[in-house]
Amino acid sequence: MPYRKFFEKDKPVHITSRALTNIFKQKDDCYRFVFQYYAVNLGRKDTNLKIKDMIKAGQALLQGEKIPEKFVIKKHPPLVHLLDFSLIMNHYHFYLLPTIDTAIPILMHRLNDSFARSFNLLYNRKDALFGSRYKGIAVESDPQSFAVSRYVSVINPLDIFQPGWRENGLKNPKEAFNFLENYEFSSFPDKLGKRNSLILASKEILEQYAPFWGNGEEYQKFVEEFLKEKTVSSQSVFLE
């Protein structure tokens, strides 16, 4: 029986789901995942769609480009509005807003099942891909919202940039920021105002629920201060 944990509609939730292996082996895996999220949030993907089409569609969505309507069989309005996200090696993080109370269990079942099928087919696997239930925490306050935003698209992507930084500290805050700014599989570039990914919620919803949305300069200061705090040497500064 699918895991069904309900969250109240119109209240933000932090969701994370972890796989048994590295599911984002290469960029194409991430592009496919992005497209499959977009498709299951509205219904399902076209059953005749080829892998290469999903890859191109995912890449286009991240860059703010529309995809052919025939790629997605739309059955209903979006189950969720995506406020923040990151794809990190063997897991992913979503900060989202459910539109109905049953949205998250429906979305997560569809997404993990759809991605597992295509992943196992592509890599000739037969075993389960997601070995445990997803985890979800309702966000109840502004301080919690700020913390989740930082955790999703700053703290987690830095594990790719510098493994072990959480225990040992960052080596170079400027290089860390540059990595985050150019890591396309998170909403960090969108929050800086340098990209307009079509998988994210509308501007109106983002401005209401996503911290710093529409104020890229303020968000950059927020992140830079955090990176400095986590740097090994207290003398480290951001270069002009």
C-alpha atoms as a PDB file:
ATOM      1  CA  MET A   1       0.000   0.000   0.000  1.00  0.00           C
ATOM      2  CA  PRO A   2       1.432   3.451  -0.950  1.00  0.00           C
ATOM      3  CA  TYR A   3       2.569   5.664   1.900  1.00  0.00           C
ATOM      4  CA  ARG A   4      -0.060   8.376   2.405  1.00  0.00           C
ATOM      5  CA  LYS A   5       0.850  11.232   4.687  1.00  0.00           C
ATOM      6  CA  PHE A   6      -1.483  14.148   4.194  1.00  0.00           C
ATOM      7  CA  PHE A   7      -0.631  17.817   4.572  1.00  0.00           C
ATOM      8  CA  GLU A   8      -3.091  20.679   4.707  1.00  0.00           C
ATOM      9  CA  LYS A   9      -3.519  22.566   1.447  1.00  0.00           C
ATOM     10  CA  ASP A  10      -2.066  26.071   1.120  1.00  0.00           C
ATOM     11  CA  LYS A  11       0.488  25.417   3.864  1.00  0.00           C
ATOM     12  CA  PRO A  12       4.157  24.982   2.776  1.00  0.00           C
ATOM     13  CA  VAL A  13       5.881  21.646   3.287  1.00  0.00           C
ATOM     14  CA  HIS A  14       9.507  20.515   3.066  1.00  0.00           C
ATOM     15  CA  ILE A  15       9.751  17.125   1.354  1.00  0.00           C
ATOM     16  CA  THR A  16      12.794  14.923   0.868  1.00  0.00           C
ATOM     17  CA  SER A  17      13.090  11.504  -0.762  1.00  0.00           C
ATOM     18  CA  ARG A  18      16.225   9.340  -0.758  1.00  0.00           C
ATOM     19  CA  ALA A  19      17.141   6.547  -3.179  1.00  0.00           C
ATOM     20  CA  LEU A  20      19.250   3.431  -2.676  1.00  0.00           C
ATOM     21  CA  THR A  21      21.803   4.541  -5.257  1.00  0.00           C
ATOM     22  CA  ASN A  22      22.999   7.680  -6.988  1.00  0.00           C
ATOM     23  CA  ILE A  23      19.994   8.534  -9.131  1.00  0.00           C
ATOM     24  CA  PHE A  24      21.525  11.678 -10.585  1.00  0.00           C
ATOM     25  CA  LYS A  25      24.535  10.080 -12.229  1.00  0.00           C
ATOM     26  CA  GLN A  26      24.706  12.665 -14.990  1.00  0.00           C
ATOM     27  CA  LYS A  27      22.922  15.799 -16.148  1.00  0.00           C
ATOM     28  CA  ASP A  28      20.514  13.852 -18.349  1.00  0.00           C
ATOM     29  CA  ASP A  29      19.162  12.032 -15.281  1.00  0.00           C
ATOM     30  CA  CYS A  30      18.404  15.408 -13.703  1.00  0.00           C
ATOM     31  CA  TYR A  31      16.707  16.714 -16.842  1.00  0.00           C
ATOM     32  CA  ARG A  32      14.518  13.596 -17.021  1.00  0.00           C
ATOM     33  CA  PHE A  33      13.582  13.998 -13.374  1.00  0.00           C
ATOM     34  CA  VAL A  34      12.641  17.650 -13.866  1.00  0.00           C
ATOM     35  CA  PHE A  35      10.373  16.789 -16.771  1.00  0.00           C
ATOM     36  CA  GLN A  36       8.774  13.861 -14.951  1.00  0.00           C
ATOM     37  CA  TYR A  37       8.015  16.067 -11.952  1.00  0.00           C
ATOM     38  CA  TYR A  38       6.387  18.605 -14.258  1.00  0.00           C
ATOM     39  CA  ALA A  39       4.329  15.902 -15.971  1.00  0.00           C
ATOM     40  CA  VAL A  40       3.018  14.062 -12.883  1.00  0.00           C
ATOM     41  CA  ASN A  41       2.149  17.344 -11.189  1.00  0.00           C
ATOM     42  CA  LEU A  42      -0.366  17.920 -13.987  1.00  0.00           C
ATOM     43  CA  GLY A  43      -1.278  14.336 -14.894  1.00  0.00           C
ATOM     44  CA  ARG A  44       1.174  12.112 -16.724  1.00  0.00           C
ATOM     45  CA  LYS A  45       3.681  12.126 -19.555  1.00  0.00           C
ATOM     46  CA  ASP A  46       2.818  10.902 -23.038  1.00  0.00           C
ATOM     47  CA  THR A  47       3.431   7.136 -23.003  1.00  0.00           C
ATOM     48  CA  ASN A  48       5.109   7.296 -26.416  1.00  0.00           C
ATOM     49  CA  LEU A  49       7.643   9.894 -25.330  1.00  0.00           C
ATOM     50  CA  LYS A  50      11.274   8.924 -25.863  1.00  0.00           C
ATOM     51  CA  ILE A  51      14.053   9.380 -23.305  1.00  0.00           C
ATOM     52  CA  LYS A  52      15.767  11.992 -25.471  1.00  0.00           C
ATOM     53  CA  ASP A  53      12.531  14.007 -25.589  1.00  0.00           C
ATOM     54  CA  MET A  54      12.221  13.964 -21.802  1.00  0.00           C
ATOM     55  CA  ILE A  55      15.808  15.152 -21.481  1.00  0.00           C
ATOM     56  CA  LYS A  56      15.270  18.046 -23.885  1.00  0.00           C
ATOM     57  CA  ALA A  57      11.997  18.944 -22.173  1.00  0.00           C
ATOM     58  CA  GLY A  58      13.565  18.997 -18.713  1.00  0.00           C
ATOM     59  CA  GLN A  59      16.380  21.204 -19.934  1.00  0.00           C
ATOM     60  CA  ALA A  60      13.917  23.576 -21.577  1.00  0.00           C
ATOM     61  CA  LEU A  61      11.732  23.829 -18.472  1.00  0.00           C
ATOM     62  CA  LEU A  62      14.713  24.785 -16.318  1.00  0.00           C
ATOM     63  CA  GLN A  63      15.639  27.508 -18.791  1.00  0.00           C
ATOM     64  CA  GLY A  64      12.127  28.935 -18.795  1.00  0.00           C
ATOM     65  CA  GLU A  65      11.210  27.616 -22.222  1.00  0.00           C
ATOM     66  CA  LYS A  66       7.832  26.066 -23.043  1.00  0.00           C
ATOM     67  CA  ILE A  67       7.651  22.452 -24.161  1.00  0.00           C
ATOM     68  CA  PRO A  68       5.274  20.843 -26.700  1.00  0.00           C
ATOM     69  CA  GLU A  69       1.810  20.409 -25.164  1.00  0.00           C
ATOM     70  CA  LYS A  70       1.594  16.837 -26.438  1.00  0.00           C
ATOM     71  CA  PHE A  71       4.447  15.809 -24.100  1.00  0.00           C
ATOM     72  CA  VAL A  72       2.113  15.985 -21.076  1.00  0.00           C
ATOM     73  CA  ILE A  73      -1.397  14.543 -20.718  1.00  0.00           C
ATOM     74  CA  LYS A  74      -2.968  17.155 -18.444  1.00  0.00           C
ATOM     75  CA  LYS A  75      -5.698  15.757 -16.203  1.00  0.00           C
ATOM     76  CA  HIS A  76      -6.025  18.415 -13.497  1.00  0.00           C
ATOM     77  CA  PRO A  77      -4.569  21.686 -12.166  1.00  0.00           C
ATOM     78  CA  PRO A  78      -1.142  21.431 -10.456  1.00  0.00           C
ATOM     79  CA  LEU A  79      -1.151  19.218  -7.378  1.00  0.00           C
ATOM     80  CA  VAL A  80       1.505  21.447  -5.792  1.00  0.00           C
ATOM     81  CA  HIS A  81       3.240  24.750  -6.358  1.00  0.00           C
ATOM     82  CA  LEU A  82       7.026  24.355  -6.178  1.00  0.00           C
ATOM     83  CA  LEU A  83       8.727  27.077  -4.108  1.00  0.00           C
ATOM     84  CA  ASP A  84      12.274  25.713  -3.874  1.00  0.00           C
ATOM     85  CA  PHE A  85      14.142  22.553  -4.906  1.00  0.00           C
ATOM     86  CA  SER A  86      17.498  20.795  -5.255  1.00  0.00           C
ATOM     87  CA  LEU A  87      18.669  17.500  -6.743  1.00  0.00           C
ATOM     88  CA  ILE A  88      21.599  16.027  -4.821  1.00  0.00           C
ATOM     89  CA  MET A  89      23.252  12.765  -5.938  1.00  0.00           C
ATOM     90  CA  ASN A  90      20.991  10.140  -4.305  1.00  0.00           C
ATOM     91  CA  HIS A  91      18.119  12.317  -3.075  1.00  0.00           C
ATOM     92  CA  TYR A  92      16.083  15.430  -3.728  1.00  0.00           C
ATOM     93  CA  HIS A  93      14.470  18.228  -1.756  1.00  0.00           C
ATOM     94  CA  PHE A  94      11.229  20.059  -2.465  1.00  0.00           C
ATOM     95  CA  TYR A  95       9.756  23.051  -0.667  1.00  0.00           C
ATOM     96  CA  LEU A  96       6.215  23.147  -1.958  1.00  0.00           C
ATOM     97  CA  LEU A  97       2.663  24.272  -1.442  1.00  0.00           C
ATOM     98  CA  PRO A  98      -0.087  21.603  -1.724  1.00  0.00           C
ATOM     99  CA  THR A  99      -3.237  22.674  -3.571  1.00  0.00           C
ATOM    100  CA  ILE A 100      -5.335  19.870  -2.043  1.00  0.00           C
ATOM    101  CA  ASP A 101      -4.915  17.848   1.163  1.00  0.00           C
ATOM    102  CA  THR A 102      -4.055  14.665  -0.739  1.00  0.00           C
ATOM    103  CA  ALA A 103      -1.605  16.359  -3.120  1.00  0.00           C
ATOM    104  CA  ILE A 104       1.695  15.196  -1.660  1.00  0.00           C
ATOM    105  CA  PRO A 105       1.071  11.436  -1.391  1.00  0.00           C
ATOM    106  CA  ILE A 106      -0.342  11.451  -4.926  1.00  0.00           C
ATOM    107  CA  LEU A 107       2.571  13.455  -6.302  1.00  0.00           C
ATOM    108  CA  MET A 108       5.278  11.465  -4.520  1.00  0.00           C
ATOM    109  CA  HIS A 109       3.860   8.101  -5.521  1.00  0.00           C
ATOM    110  CA  ARG A 110       3.577   9.158  -9.151  1.00  0.00           C
ATOM    111  CA  LEU A 111       6.975  10.835  -9.302  1.00  0.00           C
ATOM    112  CA  ASN A 112       9.058   8.147  -7.623  1.00  0.00           C
ATOM    113  CA  ASP A 113       7.294   5.400  -9.539  1.00  0.00           C
ATOM    114  CA  SER A 114       7.659   7.160 -12.892  1.00  0.00           C
ATOM    115  CA  PHE A 115      11.310   8.028 -12.362  1.00  0.00           C
ATOM    116  CA  ALA A 116      12.164   4.559 -11.022  1.00  0.00           C
ATOM    117  CA  ARG A 117      10.678   2.917 -14.094  1.00  0.00           C
ATOM    118  CA  SER A 118      12.662   5.044 -16.531  1.00  0.00           C
ATOM    119  CA  PHE A 119      15.845   4.871 -14.434  1.00  0.00           C
ATOM    120  CA  ASN A 120      15.749   1.067 -14.124  1.00  0.00           C
ATOM    121  CA  LEU A 121      15.029   0.688 -17.815  1.00  0.00           C
ATOM    122  CA  LEU A 122      17.886   2.985 -18.782  1.00  0.00           C
ATOM    123  CA  TYR A 123      20.434   1.409 -16.417  1.00  0.00           C
ATOM    124  CA  ASN A 124      19.188  -2.178 -16.704  1.00  0.00           C
ATOM    125  CA  ARG A 125      18.129  -2.436 -13.056  1.00  0.00           C
ATOM    126  CA  LYS A 126      15.340  -4.535 -11.539  1.00  0.00           C
ATOM    127  CA  ASP A 127      15.551  -3.679  -7.852  1.00  0.00           C
ATOM    128  CA  ALA A 128      13.590  -1.041  -5.971  1.00  0.00           C
ATOM    129  CA  LEU A 129      15.029   2.439  -6.410  1.00  0.00           C
ATOM    130  CA  PHE A 130      13.507   4.336  -3.476  1.00  0.00           C
ATOM    131  CA  GLY A 131      13.891   2.108  -0.470  1.00  0.00           C
ATOM    132  CA  SER A 132      12.150   4.181   2.176  1.00  0.00           C
ATOM    133  CA  ARG A 133       9.239   6.517   2.607  1.00  0.00           C
ATOM    134  CA  TYR A 134       9.658  10.166   1.766  1.00  0.00           C
ATOM    135  CA  LYS A 135       9.869  12.563   4.670  1.00  0.00           C
ATOM    136  CA  GLY A 136       7.715  15.654   5.020  1.00  0.00           C
ATOM    137  CA  ILE A 137       7.629  18.501   7.527  1.00  0.00           C
ATOM    138  CA  ALA A 138       5.052  21.272   7.539  1.00  0.00           C
ATOM    139  CA  VAL A 139       6.516  24.784   7.696  1.00  0.00           C
ATOM    140  CA  GLU A 140       4.653  26.781  10.302  1.00  0.00           C
ATOM    141  CA  SER A 141       6.568  30.054  10.720  1.00  0.00           C
ATOM    142  CA  ASP A 142       8.688  32.623   8.886  1.00  0.00           C
ATOM    143  CA  PRO A 143      11.933  31.636  10.684  1.00  0.00           C
ATOM    144  CA  GLN A 144      11.292  28.013   9.732  1.00  0.00           C
ATOM    145  CA  SER A 145      10.657  29.086   6.139  1.00  0.00           C
ATOM    146  CA  PHE A 146      14.000  30.916   5.980  1.00  0.00           C
ATOM    147  CA  ALA A 147      15.778  27.892   7.452  1.00  0.00           C
ATOM    148  CA  VAL A 148      14.182  25.490   4.973  1.00  0.00           C
ATOM    149  CA  SER A 149      15.014  27.765   2.044  1.00  0.00           C
ATOM    150  CA  ARG A 150      18.674  27.840   3.074  1.00  0.00           C
ATOM    151  CA  TYR A 151      18.745  24.113   3.722  1.00  0.00           C
ATOM    152  CA  VAL A 152      17.199  23.143   0.387  1.00  0.00           C
ATOM    153  CA  SER A 153      19.122  25.242  -2.133  1.00  0.00           C
ATOM    154  CA  VAL A 154      22.270  26.279  -0.233  1.00  0.00           C
ATOM    155  CA  ILE A 155      23.326  23.696   2.342  1.00  0.00           C
ATOM    156  CA  ASN A 156      22.547  20.561   0.343  1.00  0.00           C
ATOM    157  CA  PRO A 157      24.104  21.597  -3.009  1.00  0.00           C
ATOM    158  CA  LEU A 158      27.299  22.503  -1.150  1.00  0.00           C
ATOM    159  CA  ASP A 159      27.725  18.766  -0.416  1.00  0.00           C
ATOM    160  CA  ILE A 160      28.463  18.388  -4.123  1.00  0.00           C
ATOM    161  CA  PHE A 161      30.802  21.376  -4.226  1.00  0.00           C
ATOM    162  CA  GLN A 162      32.878  20.324  -1.195  1.00  0.00           C
ATOM    163  CA  PRO A 163      32.071  16.947   0.414  1.00  0.00           C
ATOM    164  CA  GLY A 164      32.553  17.073   4.184  1.00  0.00           C
ATOM    165  CA  TRP A 165      32.207  20.845   4.447  1.00  0.00           C
ATOM    166  CA  ARG A 166      29.596  20.575   7.184  1.00  0.00           C
ATOM    167  CA  GLU A 167      32.170  19.037   9.537  1.00  0.00           C
ATOM    168  CA  ASN A 168      35.334  20.739   8.258  1.00  0.00           C
ATOM    169  CA  GLY A 169      34.087  24.129   7.088  1.00  0.00           C
ATOM    170  CA  LEU A 170      34.149  25.723   3.657  1.00  0.00           C
ATOM    171  CA  LYS A 171      37.523  26.501   2.102  1.00  0.00           C
ATOM    172  CA  ASN A 172      36.503  29.406  -0.107  1.00  0.00           C
ATOM    173  CA  PRO A 173      33.180  31.254   0.242  1.00  0.00           C
ATOM    174  CA  LYS A 174      33.471  33.018  -3.116  1.00  0.00           C
ATOM    175  CA  GLU A 175      33.981  29.747  -4.988  1.00  0.00           C
ATOM    176  CA  ALA A 176      31.117  28.211  -3.002  1.00  0.00           C
ATOM    177  CA  PHE A 177      28.789  31.034  -4.036  1.00  0.00           C
ATOM    178  CA  ASN A 178      29.876  30.738  -7.673  1.00  0.00           C
ATOM    179  CA  PHE A 179      29.083  27.031  -7.580  1.00  0.00           C
ATOM    180  CA  LEU A 180      25.608  27.638  -6.167  1.00  0.00           C
ATOM    181  CA  GLU A 181      24.963  30.355  -8.717  1.00  0.00           C
ATOM    182  CA  ASN A 182      25.826  28.022 -11.595  1.00  0.00           C
ATOM    183  CA  TYR A 183      24.335  24.773 -10.269  1.00  0.00           C
ATOM    184  CA  GLU A 184      21.315  24.398 -12.517  1.00  0.00           C
ATOM    185  CA  PHE A 185      19.583  21.628 -10.565  1.00  0.00           C
ATOM    186  CA  SER A 186      18.361  23.832  -7.751  1.00  0.00           C
ATOM    187  CA  SER A 187      16.255  26.977  -7.556  1.00  0.00           C
ATOM    188  CA  PHE A 188      19.227  29.072  -6.400  1.00  0.00           C
ATOM    189  CA  PRO A 189      19.717  30.758  -9.828  1.00  0.00           C
ATOM    190  CA  ASP A 190      15.997  31.559  -9.889  1.00  0.00           C
ATOM    191  CA  LYS A 191      16.089  33.157  -6.453  1.00  0.00           C
ATOM    192  CA  LEU A 192      18.947  35.381  -7.588  1.00  0.00           C
ATOM    193  CA  GLY A 193      16.799  36.501 -10.519  1.00  0.00           C
ATOM    194  CA  LYS A 194      19.093  34.955 -13.136  1.00  0.00           C
ATOM    195  CA  ARG A 195      16.661  32.299 -14.369  1.00  0.00           C
ATOM    196  CA  ASN A 196      12.894  31.731 -14.583  1.00  0.00           C
ATOM    197  CA  SER A 197      12.355  27.988 -14.417  1.00  0.00           C
ATOM    198  CA  LEU A 198       8.891  26.891 -15.511  1.00  0.00           C
ATOM    199  CA  ILE A 199       8.670  24.156 -12.885  1.00  0.00           C
ATOM    200  CA  LEU A 200       8.462  26.759 -10.129  1.00  0.00           C
ATOM    201  CA  ALA A 201       5.263  28.356  -8.870  1.00  0.00           C
ATOM    202  CA  SER A 202       3.900  31.568 -10.334  1.00  0.00           C
ATOM    203  CA  LYS A 203       5.468  34.879  -9.363  1.00  0.00           C
ATOM    204  CA  GLU A 204       2.467  35.763  -7.187  1.00  0.00           C
ATOM    205  CA  ILE A 205       2.729  32.555  -5.139  1.00  0.00           C
ATOM    206  CA  LEU A 206       6.517  32.747  -4.866  1.00  0.00           C
ATOM    207  CA  GLU A 207       6.369  36.319  -3.593  1.00  0.00           C
ATOM    208  CA  GLN A 208       3.861  35.267  -0.945  1.00  0.00           C
ATOM    209  CA  TYR A 209       5.501  32.064   0.297  1.00  0.00           C
ATOM    210  CA  ALA A 210       9.176  31.933  -0.783  1.00  0.00           C
ATOM    211  CA  PRO A 211      11.654  33.979   1.317  1.00  0.00           C
ATOM    212  CA  PHE A 212      13.495  36.782  -0.523  1.00  0.00           C
ATOM    213  CA  TRP A 213      11.628  36.133  -3.763  1.00  0.00           C
ATOM    214  CA  GLY A 214      11.950  39.162  -6.037  1.00  0.00           C
ATOM    215  CA  ASN A 215      14.861  40.574  -4.025  1.00  0.00           C
ATOM    216  CA  GLY A 216      17.952  38.895  -5.437  1.00  0.00           C
ATOM    217  CA  GLU A 217      20.393  41.371  -3.881  1.00  0.00           C
ATOM    218  CA  GLU A 218      19.033  40.796  -0.385  1.00  0.00           C
ATOM    219  CA  TYR A 219      19.067  37.046  -0.912  1.00  0.00           C
ATOM    220  CA  GLN A 220      22.676  37.185  -2.099  1.00  0.00           C
ATOM    221  CA  LYS A 221      23.700  39.029   1.081  1.00  0.00           C
ATOM    222  CA  PHE A 222      21.838  36.451   3.165  1.00  0.00           C
ATOM    223  CA  VAL A 223      23.730  33.597   1.499  1.00  0.00           C
ATOM    224  CA  GLU A 224      27.123  35.325   1.536  1.00  0.00           C
ATOM    225  CA  GLU A 225      26.859  35.914   5.275  1.00  0.00           C
ATOM    226  CA  PHE A 226      26.038  32.264   5.835  1.00  0.00           C
ATOM    227  CA  LEU A 227      28.954  31.092   3.677  1.00  0.00           C
ATOM    228  CA  LYS A 228      31.379  33.338   5.553  1.00  0.00           C
ATOM    229  CA  GLU A 229      30.178  31.912   8.866  1.00  0.00           C
ATOM    230  CA  LYS A 230      30.863  28.388   7.584  1.00  0.00           C
ATOM    231  CA  THR A 231      34.328  29.139   6.173  1.00  0.00           C
ATOM    232  CA  VAL A 232      37.391  27.604   7.844  1.00  0.00           C
ATOM    233  CA  SER A 233      39.310  30.890   8.132  1.00  0.00           C
ATOM    234  CA  SER A 234      37.570  33.828   9.706  1.00  0.00           C
ATOM    235  CA  GLN A 235      39.721  36.051   7.482  1.00  0.00           C
ATOM    236  CA  SER A 236      38.008  34.843   4.305  1.00  0.00           C
ATOM    237  CA  VAL A 237      36.092  37.517   2.458  1.00  0.00           C
ATOM    238  CA  PHE A 238      34.205  37.819  -0.818  1.00  0.00           C
ATOM    239  CA  LEU A 239      36.305  39.441  -3.498  1.00  0.00           C
ATOM    240  CA  GLU A 240      34.868  42.225  -5.635  1.00  0.00           C
END
